[in-house]
Structures are given as C-alpha cells and as structure tokens.
PDB file of N, CA and C in Angstrom:
ATOM      1  N   MET A   1      89.366  77.052 106.891  1.00  0.00           N
ATOM      2  CA  MET A   1      90.744  77.286 106.475  1.00  0.00           C
ATOM      3  C   MET A   1      90.844  77.098 104.955  1.00  0.00           C
ATOM      4  N   VAL A   2      91.564  77.985 104.339  1.00  0.00           N
ATOM      5  CA  VAL A   2      91.732  77.929 102.914  1.00  0.00           C
ATOM      6  C   VAL A   2      92.805  76.953 102.544  1.00  0.00           C
ATOM      7  N   ARG A   3      92.461  76.046 101.634  1.00  0.00           N
ATOM      8  CA  ARG A   3      93.446  75.042 101.167  1.00  0.00           C
ATOM      9  C   ARG A   3      94.265  75.666 100.058  1.00  0.00           C
ATOM     10  N   CYS A   4      95.538  75.422 100.079  1.00  0.00           N
ATOM     11  CA  CYS A   4      96.437  75.966  99.033  1.00  0.00           C
ATOM     12  C   CYS A   4      96.999  74.861  98.209  1.00  0.00           C
ATOM     13  N   ASP A   5      96.125  74.102  97.565  1.00  0.00           N
ATOM     14  CA  ASP A   5      96.549  72.930  96.811  1.00  0.00           C
ATOM     15  C   ASP A   5      96.562  73.157  95.311  1.00  0.00           C
ATOM     16  N   ASN A   6      96.161  74.332  94.846  1.00  0.00           N
ATOM     17  CA  ASN A   6      96.314  74.642  93.440  1.00  0.00           C
ATOM     18  C   ASN A   6      96.599  76.167  93.347  1.00  0.00           C
ATOM     19  N   VAL A   7      96.899  76.597  92.158  1.00  0.00           N
ATOM     20  CA  VAL A   7      97.375  77.995  92.004  1.00  0.00           C
ATOM     21  C   VAL A   7      96.287  79.002  92.413  1.00  0.00           C
ATOM     22  N   ASN A   8      95.013  78.758  92.002  1.00  0.00           N
ATOM     23  CA  ASN A   8      93.986  79.734  92.349  1.00  0.00           C
ATOM     24  C   ASN A   8      93.681  79.730  93.836  1.00  0.00           C
ATOM     25  N   SER A   9      93.771  78.604  94.519  1.00  0.00           N
ATOM     26  CA  SER A   9      93.612  78.607  95.950  1.00  0.00           C
ATOM     27  C   SER A   9      94.807  79.285  96.629  1.00  0.00           C
ATOM     28  N   LEU A  10      95.976  79.207  95.991  1.00  0.00           N
ATOM     29  CA  LEU A  10      97.141  79.886  96.488  1.00  0.00           C
ATOM     30  C   LEU A  10      96.936  81.412  96.450  1.00  0.00           C
ATOM     31  N   VAL A  11      96.263  81.878  95.388  1.00  0.00           N
ATOM     32  CA  VAL A  11      95.908  83.298  95.315  1.00  0.00           C
ATOM     33  C   VAL A  11      95.087  83.689  96.560  1.00  0.00           C
ATOM     34  N   ASP A  12      94.107  82.887  96.890  1.00  0.00           N
ATOM     35  CA  ASP A  12      93.276  83.162  98.086  1.00  0.00           C
ATOM     36  C   ASP A  12      94.133  83.200  99.368  1.00  0.00           C
ATOM     37  N   CYS A  13      95.047  82.245  99.453  1.00  0.00           N
ATOM     38  CA  CYS A  13      95.923  82.175 100.642  1.00  0.00           C
ATOM     39  C   CYS A  13      96.801  83.444 100.726  1.00  0.00           C
ATOM     40  N   TYR A  14      97.388  83.803  99.640  1.00  0.00           N
ATOM     41  CA  TYR A  14      98.263  84.991  99.616  1.00  0.00           C
ATOM     42  C   TYR A  14      97.459  86.272  99.931  1.00  0.00           C
ATOM     43  N   ILE A  15      96.279  86.362  99.446  1.00  0.00           N
ATOM     44  CA  ILE A  15      95.440  87.534  99.758  1.00  0.00           C
ATOM     45  C   ILE A  15      95.148  87.563 101.239  1.00  0.00           C
ATOM     46  N   LYS A  16      94.734  86.437 101.772  1.00  0.00           N
ATOM     47  CA  LYS A  16      94.400  86.350 103.204  1.00  0.00           C
ATOM     48  C   LYS A  16      95.592  86.724 104.083  1.00  0.00           C
ATOM     49  N   GLU A  17      96.797  86.350 103.629  1.00  0.00           N
ATOM     50  CA  GLU A  17      98.004  86.611 104.390  1.00  0.00           C
ATOM     51  C   GLU A  17      98.685  87.908 103.993  1.00  0.00           C
ATOM     52  N   ASP A  18      98.091  88.707 103.104  1.00  0.00           N
ATOM     53  CA  ASP A  18      98.642  89.972 102.622  1.00  0.00           C
ATOM     54  C   ASP A  18     100.051  89.791 102.057  1.00  0.00           C
ATOM     55  N   LYS A  19     100.213  88.810 101.198  1.00  0.00           N
ATOM     56  CA  LYS A  19     101.520  88.554 100.584  1.00  0.00           C
ATOM     57  C   LYS A  19     101.486  89.086  99.159  1.00  0.00           C
ATOM     58  N   ARG A  20     101.678  90.428  99.065  1.00  0.00           N
ATOM     59  CA  ARG A  20     101.526  91.130  97.806  1.00  0.00           C
ATOM     60  C   ARG A  20     102.575  90.728  96.786  1.00  0.00           C
ATOM     61  N   GLU A  21     103.780  90.597  97.200  1.00  0.00           N
ATOM     62  CA  GLU A  21     104.869  90.248  96.250  1.00  0.00           C
ATOM     63  C   GLU A  21     104.656  88.824  95.695  1.00  0.00           C
ATOM     64  N   GLU A  22     104.224  87.925  96.574  1.00  0.00           N
ATOM     65  CA  GLU A  22     103.971  86.547  96.123  1.00  0.00           C
ATOM     66  C   GLU A  22     102.837  86.515  95.106  1.00  0.00           C
ATOM     67  N   LEU A  23     101.813  87.338  95.287  1.00  0.00           N
ATOM     68  CA  LEU A  23     100.718  87.450  94.333  1.00  0.00           C
ATOM     69  C   LEU A  23     101.265  87.883  92.976  1.00  0.00           C
ATOM     70  N   TRP A  24     102.136  88.907  92.984  1.00  0.00           N
ATOM     71  CA  TRP A  24     102.742  89.392  91.726  1.00  0.00           C
ATOM     72  C   TRP A  24     103.536  88.271  91.085  1.00  0.00           C
ATOM     73  N   ASN A  25     104.301  87.495  91.896  1.00  0.00           N
ATOM     74  CA  ASN A  25     105.076  86.404  91.356  1.00  0.00           C
ATOM     75  C   ASN A  25     104.220  85.335  90.686  1.00  0.00           C
ATOM     76  N   LEU A  26     103.057  85.037  91.310  1.00  0.00           N
ATOM     77  CA  LEU A  26     102.116  84.102  90.690  1.00  0.00           C
ATOM     78  C   LEU A  26     101.637  84.648  89.358  1.00  0.00           C
ATOM     79  N   ALA A  27     101.273  85.910  89.306  1.00  0.00           N
ATOM     80  CA  ALA A  27     100.822  86.536  88.050  1.00  0.00           C
ATOM     81  C   ALA A  27     101.933  86.437  87.008  1.00  0.00           C
ATOM     82  N   PHE A  28     103.144  86.673  87.402  1.00  0.00           N
ATOM     83  CA  PHE A  28     104.253  86.617  86.483  1.00  0.00           C
ATOM     84  C   PHE A  28     104.480  85.199  85.949  1.00  0.00           C
ATOM     85  N   ASP A  29     104.394  84.237  86.877  1.00  0.00           N
ATOM     86  CA  ASP A  29     104.645  82.844  86.507  1.00  0.00           C
ATOM     87  C   ASP A  29     103.487  82.159  85.757  1.00  0.00           C
ATOM     88  N   TYR A  30     102.258  82.539  86.104  1.00  0.00           N
ATOM     89  CA  TYR A  30     101.132  81.804  85.551  1.00  0.00           C
ATOM     90  C   TYR A  30     100.257  82.620  84.582  1.00  0.00           C
ATOM     91  N   GLY A  31     100.489  83.914  84.458  1.00  0.00           N
ATOM     92  CA  GLY A  31      99.753  84.759  83.490  1.00  0.00           C
ATOM     93  C   GLY A  31      98.272  84.516  83.528  1.00  0.00           C
ATOM     94  N   ASN A  32      97.689  84.181  82.420  1.00  0.00           N
ATOM     95  CA  ASN A  32      96.248  84.052  82.338  1.00  0.00           C
ATOM     96  C   ASN A  32      95.717  82.708  82.839  1.00  0.00           C
ATOM     97  N   GLU A  33      96.565  81.895  83.443  1.00  0.00           N
ATOM     98  CA  GLU A  33      96.108  80.617  84.006  1.00  0.00           C
ATOM     99  C   GLU A  33      95.509  80.786  85.379  1.00  0.00           C
ATOM    100  N   ILE A  34      95.594  82.006  85.960  1.00  0.00           N
ATOM    101  CA  ILE A  34      95.023  82.250  87.287  1.00  0.00           C
ATOM    102  C   ILE A  34      94.057  83.403  87.225  1.00  0.00           C
ATOM    103  N   ASP A  35      93.371  83.647  88.330  1.00  0.00           N
ATOM    104  CA  ASP A  35      92.363  84.716  88.412  1.00  0.00           C
ATOM    105  C   ASP A  35      93.105  86.062  88.658  1.00  0.00           C
ATOM    106  N   LEU A  36      93.498  86.665  87.575  1.00  0.00           N
ATOM    107  CA  LEU A  36      94.230  87.925  87.672  1.00  0.00           C
ATOM    108  C   LEU A  36      93.358  89.065  88.184  1.00  0.00           C
ATOM    109  N   THR A  37      92.064  89.016  87.865  1.00  0.00           N
ATOM    110  CA  THR A  37      91.155  90.042  88.347  1.00  0.00           C
ATOM    111  C   THR A  37      91.078  90.030  89.855  1.00  0.00           C
ATOM    112  N   LYS A  38      91.122  88.891  90.456  1.00  0.00           N
ATOM    113  CA  LYS A  38      91.101  88.786  91.918  1.00  0.00           C
ATOM    114  C   LYS A  38      92.322  89.452  92.513  1.00  0.00           C
ATOM    115  N   ILE A  39      93.456  89.216  91.873  1.00  0.00           N
ATOM    116  CA  ILE A  39      94.716  89.878  92.348  1.00  0.00           C
ATOM    117  C   ILE A  39      94.621  91.398  92.157  1.00  0.00           C
ATOM    118  N   ALA A  40      94.172  91.815  91.000  1.00  0.00           N
ATOM    119  CA  ALA A  40      94.037  93.282  90.734  1.00  0.00           C
ATOM    120  C   ALA A  40      93.064  93.903  91.716  1.00  0.00           C
ATOM    121  N   ASN A  41      91.930  93.247  91.947  1.00  0.00           N
ATOM    122  CA  ASN A  41      90.947  93.806  92.908  1.00  0.00           C
ATOM    123  C   ASN A  41      91.542  93.929  94.291  1.00  0.00           C
ATOM    124  N   TYR A  42      92.361  92.943  94.660  1.00  0.00           N
ATOM    125  CA  TYR A  42      92.997  93.004  95.987  1.00  0.00           C
ATOM    126  C   TYR A  42      93.942  94.203  96.086  1.00  0.00           C
ATOM    127  N   TYR A  43      94.769  94.370  95.068  1.00  0.00           N
ATOM    128  CA  TYR A  43      95.700  95.507  95.087  1.00  0.00           C
ATOM    129  C   TYR A  43      94.918  96.823  95.145  1.00  0.00           C
ATOM    130  N   ILE A  44      93.800  96.886  94.453  1.00  0.00           N
ATOM    131  CA  ILE A  44      92.980  98.098  94.466  1.00  0.00           C
ATOM    132  C   ILE A  44      92.383  98.278  95.860  1.00  0.00           C
ATOM    133  N   SER A  45      91.866  97.225  96.438  1.00  0.00           N
ATOM    134  CA  SER A  45      91.218  97.340  97.761  1.00  0.00           C
ATOM    135  C   SER A  45      92.175  97.791  98.848  1.00  0.00           C
ATOM    136  N   VAL A  46      93.434  97.411  98.728  1.00  0.00           N
ATOM    137  CA  VAL A  46      94.422  97.854  99.737  1.00  0.00           C
ATOM    138  C   VAL A  46      95.190  99.054  99.289  1.00  0.00           C
ATOM    139  N   ARG A  47      94.789  99.627  98.133  1.00  0.00           N
ATOM    140  CA  ARG A  47      95.360 100.879  97.571  1.00  0.00           C
ATOM    141  C   ARG A  47      96.866 100.734  97.393  1.00  0.00           C
ATOM    142  N   ASP A  48      97.298  99.610  96.811  1.00  0.00           N
ATOM    143  CA  ASP A  48      98.702  99.337  96.530  1.00  0.00           C
ATOM    144  C   ASP A  48      99.041  99.776  95.089  1.00  0.00           C
ATOM    145  N   SER A  49      99.397 101.044  94.935  1.00  0.00           N
ATOM    146  CA  SER A  49      99.679 101.580  93.592  1.00  0.00           C
ATOM    147  C   SER A  49     100.893 100.917  92.964  1.00  0.00           C
ATOM    148  N   PHE A  50     101.875 100.585  93.758  1.00  0.00           N
ATOM    149  CA  PHE A  50     103.077  99.948  93.237  1.00  0.00           C
ATOM    150  C   PHE A  50     102.740  98.618  92.590  1.00  0.00           C
ATOM    151  N   HIS A  51     102.064  97.761  93.314  1.00  0.00           N
ATOM    152  CA  HIS A  51     101.827  96.416  92.804  1.00  0.00           C
ATOM    153  C   HIS A  51     100.782  96.380  91.685  1.00  0.00           C
ATOM    154  N   ILE A  52      99.786  97.268  91.766  1.00  0.00           N
ATOM    155  CA  ILE A  52      98.826  97.304  90.635  1.00  0.00           C
ATOM    156  C   ILE A  52      99.537  97.728  89.356  1.00  0.00           C
ATOM    157  N   CYS A  53     100.442  98.661  89.446  1.00  0.00           N
ATOM    158  CA  CYS A  53     101.227  99.053  88.256  1.00  0.00           C
ATOM    159  C   CYS A  53     102.154  97.951  87.798  1.00  0.00           C
ATOM    160  N   GLU A  54     102.738  97.264  88.742  1.00  0.00           N
ATOM    161  CA  GLU A  54     103.612  96.141  88.351  1.00  0.00           C
ATOM    162  C   GLU A  54     102.796  95.031  87.718  1.00  0.00           C
ATOM    163  N   LEU A  55     101.617  94.767  88.216  1.00  0.00           N
ATOM    164  CA  LEU A  55     100.711  93.783  87.605  1.00  0.00           C
ATOM    165  C   LEU A  55     100.347  94.195  86.202  1.00  0.00           C
ATOM    166  N   LEU A  56     100.003  95.450  86.026  1.00  0.00           N
ATOM    167  CA  LEU A  56      99.667  95.970  84.688  1.00  0.00           C
ATOM    168  C   LEU A  56     100.836  95.849  83.737  1.00  0.00           C
ATOM    169  N   SER A  57     102.017  96.019  84.249  1.00  0.00           N
ATOM    170  CA  SER A  57     103.221  95.939  83.371  1.00  0.00           C
ATOM    171  C   SER A  57     103.490  94.527  82.841  1.00  0.00           C
ATOM    172  N   ILE A  58     103.018  93.531  83.537  1.00  0.00           N
ATOM    173  CA  ILE A  58     103.310  92.157  83.072  1.00  0.00           C
ATOM    174  C   ILE A  58     102.113  91.427  82.461  1.00  0.00           C
ATOM    175  N   VAL A  59     100.900  91.786  82.840  1.00  0.00           N
ATOM    176  CA  VAL A  59      99.721  91.009  82.355  1.00  0.00           C
ATOM    177  C   VAL A  59      98.573  91.895  81.877  1.00  0.00           C
ATOM    178  N   SER A  60      98.829  93.125  81.482  1.00  0.00           N
ATOM    179  CA  SER A  60      97.736  94.018  81.075  1.00  0.00           C
ATOM    180  C   SER A  60      96.899  93.426  79.943  1.00  0.00           C
ATOM    181  N   ASN A  61      97.519  92.633  79.087  1.00  0.00           N
ATOM    182  CA  ASN A  61      96.794  92.066  77.951  1.00  0.00           C
ATOM    183  C   ASN A  61      95.782  90.999  78.406  1.00  0.00           C
ATOM    184  N   TYR A  62      95.876  90.524  79.631  1.00  0.00           N
ATOM    185  CA  TYR A  62      94.932  89.515  80.152  1.00  0.00           C
ATOM    186  C   TYR A  62      93.870  90.163  81.079  1.00  0.00           C
ATOM    187  N   LEU A  63      93.942  91.446  81.324  1.00  0.00           N
ATOM    188  CA  LEU A  63      93.035  92.115  82.218  1.00  0.00           C
ATOM    189  C   LEU A  63      91.992  92.930  81.460  1.00  0.00           C
ATOM    190  N   ASP A  64      90.828  93.044  82.045  1.00  0.00           N
ATOM    191  CA  ASP A  64      89.789  93.936  81.521  1.00  0.00           C
ATOM    192  C   ASP A  64      90.122  95.351  82.002  1.00  0.00           C
ATOM    193  N   LEU A  65      90.825  96.096  81.210  1.00  0.00           N
ATOM    194  CA  LEU A  65      91.308  97.438  81.625  1.00  0.00           C
ATOM    195  C   LEU A  65      90.198  98.417  81.903  1.00  0.00           C
ATOM    196  N   ASP A  66      89.093  98.319  81.159  1.00  0.00           N
ATOM    197  CA  ASP A  66      87.956  99.226  81.444  1.00  0.00           C
ATOM    198  C   ASP A  66      87.449  98.973  82.848  1.00  0.00           C
ATOM    199  N   TYR A  67      87.239  97.712  83.180  1.00  0.00           N
ATOM    200  CA  TYR A  67      86.772  97.352  84.546  1.00  0.00           C
ATOM    201  C   TYR A  67      87.782  97.801  85.587  1.00  0.00           C
ATOM    202  N   LEU A  68      89.052  97.501  85.330  1.00  0.00           N
ATOM    203  CA  LEU A  68      90.112  97.777  86.307  1.00  0.00           C
ATOM    204  C   LEU A  68      90.214  99.284  86.590  1.00  0.00           C
ATOM    205  N   PHE A  69      90.266 100.096  85.533  1.00  0.00           N
ATOM    206  CA  PHE A  69      90.383 101.512  85.757  1.00  0.00           C
ATOM    207  C   PHE A  69      89.114 102.148  86.328  1.00  0.00           C
ATOM    208  N   ASP A  70      87.951 101.609  85.947  1.00  0.00           N
ATOM    209  CA  ASP A  70      86.710 102.059  86.593  1.00  0.00           C
ATOM    210  C   ASP A  70      86.745 101.726  88.088  1.00  0.00           C
ATOM    211  N   SER A  71      87.278 100.583  88.462  1.00  0.00           N
ATOM    212  CA  SER A  71      87.399 100.200  89.871  1.00  0.00           C
ATOM    213  C   SER A  71      88.358 101.139  90.611  1.00  0.00           C
ATOM    214  N   ILE A  72      89.423 101.506  89.959  1.00  0.00           N
ATOM    215  CA  ILE A  72      90.364 102.427  90.562  1.00  0.00           C
ATOM    216  C   ILE A  72      89.705 103.783  90.816  1.00  0.00           C
ATOM    217  N   VAL A  73      88.982 104.277  89.820  1.00  0.00           N
ATOM    218  CA  VAL A  73      88.268 105.556  89.954  1.00  0.00           C
ATOM    219  C   VAL A  73      87.245 105.469  91.034  1.00  0.00           C
ATOM    220  N   LEU A  74      86.526 104.368  91.138  1.00  0.00           N
ATOM    221  CA  LEU A  74      85.490 104.192  92.138  1.00  0.00           C
ATOM    222  C   LEU A  74      85.997 104.242  93.576  1.00  0.00           C
ATOM    223  N   THR A  75      87.307 104.050  93.772  1.00  0.00           N
ATOM    224  CA  THR A  75      87.859 104.146  95.142  1.00  0.00           C
ATOM    225  C   THR A  75      87.740 105.588  95.621  1.00  0.00           C
ATOM    226  N   GLY A  76      87.755 106.556  94.701  1.00  0.00           N
ATOM    227  CA  GLY A  76      87.716 107.965  95.085  1.00  0.00           C
ATOM    228  C   GLY A  76      89.006 108.440  95.775  1.00  0.00           C
ATOM    229  N   ASP A  77      89.995 107.592  95.808  1.00  0.00           N
ATOM    230  CA  ASP A  77      91.259 107.869  96.457  1.00  0.00           C
ATOM    231  C   ASP A  77      92.196 108.596  95.461  1.00  0.00           C
ATOM    232  N   LYS A  78      92.229 109.917  95.567  1.00  0.00           N
ATOM    233  CA  LYS A  78      93.012 110.693  94.634  1.00  0.00           C
ATOM    234  C   LYS A  78      94.502 110.472  94.764  1.00  0.00           C
ATOM    235  N   GLU A  79      94.991 110.219  95.963  1.00  0.00           N
ATOM    236  CA  GLU A  79      96.404 109.953  96.125  1.00  0.00           C
ATOM    237  C   GLU A  79      96.786 108.631  95.436  1.00  0.00           C
ATOM    238  N   PHE A  80      95.938 107.615  95.589  1.00  0.00           N
ATOM    239  CA  PHE A  80      96.144 106.328  94.950  1.00  0.00           C
ATOM    240  C   PHE A  80      96.169 106.526  93.427  1.00  0.00           C
ATOM    241  N   MET A  81      95.232 107.265  92.880  1.00  0.00           N
ATOM    242  CA  MET A  81      95.180 107.531  91.453  1.00  0.00           C
ATOM    243  C   MET A  81      96.391 108.337  90.993  1.00  0.00           C
ATOM    244  N   PHE A  82      96.804 109.285  91.786  1.00  0.00           N
ATOM    245  CA  PHE A  82      97.953 110.120  91.475  1.00  0.00           C
ATOM    246  C   PHE A  82      99.221 109.273  91.269  1.00  0.00           C
ATOM    247  N   TRP A  83      99.434 108.299  92.198  1.00  0.00           N
ATOM    248  CA  TRP A  83     100.633 107.468  92.102  1.00  0.00           C
ATOM    249  C   TRP A  83     100.589 106.561  90.882  1.00  0.00           C
ATOM    250  N   ILE A  84      99.385 106.116  90.505  1.00  0.00           N
ATOM    251  CA  ILE A  84      99.251 105.315  89.295  1.00  0.00           C
ATOM    252  C   ILE A  84      99.538 106.168  88.067  1.00  0.00           C
ATOM    253  N   LEU A  85      98.991 107.393  88.064  1.00  0.00           N
ATOM    254  CA  LEU A  85      99.209 108.325  86.953  1.00  0.00           C
ATOM    255  C   LEU A  85     100.659 108.616  86.732  1.00  0.00           C
ATOM    256  N   ASN A  86     101.430 108.658  87.823  1.00  0.00           N
ATOM    257  CA  ASN A  86     102.813 109.064  87.728  1.00  0.00           C
ATOM    258  C   ASN A  86     103.794 107.867  87.689  1.00  0.00           C
ATOM    259  N   ASN A  87     103.257 106.693  87.448  1.00  0.00           N
ATOM    260  CA  ASN A  87     104.125 105.524  87.352  1.00  0.00           C
ATOM    261  C   ASN A  87     104.643 105.390  85.907  1.00  0.00           C
ATOM    262  N   GLY A  88     105.921 105.619  85.736  1.00  0.00           N
ATOM    263  CA  GLY A  88     106.504 105.572  84.408  1.00  0.00           C
ATOM    264  C   GLY A  88     106.526 104.203  83.729  1.00  0.00           C
ATOM    265  N   THR A  89     106.428 103.160  84.549  1.00  0.00           N
ATOM    266  CA  THR A  89     106.482 101.802  84.014  1.00  0.00           C
ATOM    267  C   THR A  89     105.331 101.521  83.084  1.00  0.00           C
ATOM    268  N   ILE A  90     104.130 101.982  83.427  1.00  0.00           N
ATOM    269  CA  ILE A  90     102.947 101.614  82.639  1.00  0.00           C
ATOM    270  C   ILE A  90     102.570 102.651  81.545  1.00  0.00           C
ATOM    271  N   LYS A  91     103.175 103.780  81.568  1.00  0.00           N
ATOM    272  CA  LYS A  91     102.830 104.866  80.624  1.00  0.00           C
ATOM    273  C   LYS A  91     102.947 104.402  79.165  1.00  0.00           C
ATOM    274  N   SER A  92     103.924 103.589  78.856  1.00  0.00           N
ATOM    275  CA  SER A  92     104.121 103.161  77.493  1.00  0.00           C
ATOM    276  C   SER A  92     103.309 101.897  77.166  1.00  0.00           C
ATOM    277  N   ILE A  93     102.697 101.294  78.155  1.00  0.00           N
ATOM    278  CA  ILE A  93     101.968 100.049  77.961  1.00  0.00           C
ATOM    279  C   ILE A  93     100.462 100.263  77.879  1.00  0.00           C
ATOM    280  N   ILE A  94      99.966 101.174  78.683  1.00  0.00           N
ATOM    281  CA  ILE A  94      98.509 101.371  78.814  1.00  0.00           C
ATOM    282  C   ILE A  94      98.062 102.516  77.954  1.00  0.00           C
ATOM    283  N   ASP A  95      96.924 102.323  77.300  1.00  0.00           N
ATOM    284  CA  ASP A  95      96.331 103.367  76.423  1.00  0.00           C
ATOM    285  C   ASP A  95      96.096 104.638  77.217  1.00  0.00           C
ATOM    286  N   SER A  96      96.349 105.753  76.628  1.00  0.00           N
ATOM    287  CA  SER A  96      96.226 107.068  77.275  1.00  0.00           C
ATOM    288  C   SER A  96      94.780 107.355  77.725  1.00  0.00           C
ATOM    289  N   LYS A  97      93.770 106.681  77.138  1.00  0.00           N
ATOM    290  CA  LYS A  97      92.402 106.934  77.590  1.00  0.00           C
ATOM    291  C   LYS A  97      92.199 106.576  79.060  1.00  0.00           C
ATOM    292  N   TYR A  98      92.960 105.592  79.519  1.00  0.00           N
ATOM    293  CA  TYR A  98      92.854 105.189  80.949  1.00  0.00           C
ATOM    294  C   TYR A  98      93.488 106.242  81.870  1.00  0.00           C
ATOM    295  N   PHE A  99      94.552 106.829  81.386  1.00  0.00           N
ATOM    296  CA  PHE A  99      95.164 107.903  82.183  1.00  0.00           C
ATOM    297  C   PHE A  99      94.260 109.133  82.215  1.00  0.00           C
ATOM    298  N   SER A 100      93.605 109.410  81.108  1.00  0.00           N
ATOM    299  CA  SER A 100      92.637 110.500  81.081  1.00  0.00           C
ATOM    300  C   SER A 100      91.493 110.258  82.085  1.00  0.00           C
ATOM    301  N   LYS A 101      91.052 109.044  82.159  1.00  0.00           N
ATOM    302  CA  LYS A 101      90.004 108.702  83.127  1.00  0.00           C
ATOM    303  C   LYS A 101      90.449 109.006  84.544  1.00  0.00           C
ATOM    304  N   LEU A 102      91.698 108.652  84.871  1.00  0.00           N
ATOM    305  CA  LEU A 102      92.229 108.936  86.181  1.00  0.00           C
ATOM    306  C   LEU A 102      92.429 110.436  86.420  1.00  0.00           C
ATOM    307  N   GLU A 103      92.944 111.126  85.417  1.00  0.00           N
ATOM    308  CA  GLU A 103      93.134 112.573  85.512  1.00  0.00           C
ATOM    309  C   GLU A 103      91.810 113.287  85.770  1.00  0.00           C
ATOM    310  N   ASN A 104      90.771 112.893  85.055  1.00  0.00           N
ATOM    311  CA  ASN A 104      89.459 113.516  85.266  1.00  0.00           C
ATOM    312  C   ASN A 104      88.940 113.238  86.667  1.00  0.00           C
ATOM    313  N   ALA A 105      89.137 112.055  87.166  1.00  0.00           N
ATOM    314  CA  ALA A 105      88.672 111.711  88.513  1.00  0.00           C
ATOM    315  C   ALA A 105      89.466 112.486  89.550  1.00  0.00           C
ATOM    316  N   CYS A 106      90.702 112.762  89.318  1.00  0.00           N
ATOM    317  CA  CYS A 106      91.512 113.514  90.279  1.00  0.00           C
ATOM    318  C   CYS A 106      91.146 114.989  90.287  1.00  0.00           C
ATOM    319  N   ARG A 107      90.624 115.485  89.175  1.00  0.00           N
ATOM    320  CA  ARG A 107      90.229 116.898  89.113  1.00  0.00           C
ATOM    321  C   ARG A 107      88.919 117.166  89.816  1.00  0.00           C
ATOM    322  N   ASN A 108      88.072 116.194  89.874  1.00  0.00           N
ATOM    323  CA  ASN A 108      86.749 116.360  90.511  1.00  0.00           C
ATOM    324  C   ASN A 108      86.792 116.195  91.998  1.00  0.00           C
TER     325      ASN A 108
END
C-alpha cells in the first residue's frame, strides 16, 4: 500500500487512484517542489490532452519540454497530439518548435 504522508507520495496515491484534477492541484500548489515529470508522464500515458495542457500552462518552466514533447510524439496517438496542437491555452506559452514537432508527427 502506498503511504500518502508527503507530497511526492501523494502524487503516487493520486496516480494510482486516477485523480487527475488533484494531481493538477498539487502541481499548482507545489510547483517545482514535487515530481512534475511523474505527473506529466501519467497524463501522457492516459492520453489526457486537457490536463497535460493545463499542466503546461502552469509549470512549463519547471518541465523538460524536449523530453515531454518527445514522449507525446512517441505515443503515436495522432488524436492526442491533435488536441494538444489545438489547445489555445498553451499556444502563447510554449515555443512553436514543439508544435512543429507535433505537426510533423501527425503528418507521418
């Protein structure tokens, strides 16, 4: 059983219980004090375009965007990439090179 006695173990608990909104709230409240990559990887693994974009909108400066967008492309899920590409929230925050990466992956 996962203990939820600190913020990072709470991340594990929320992932195990599929509490996506609560994960976003932790990222919002704790920023770079928690394992944001674990949260991002979870959103990618469950193909949650809404929450990955919301995460990017609040903590993109703490994430390895090259790794993150490479991981998104590696899913091969064009619909997932399409929804990220068309999310207006992150267009003004994220460098256009990442959108180009997704566009190229969707074309192939």
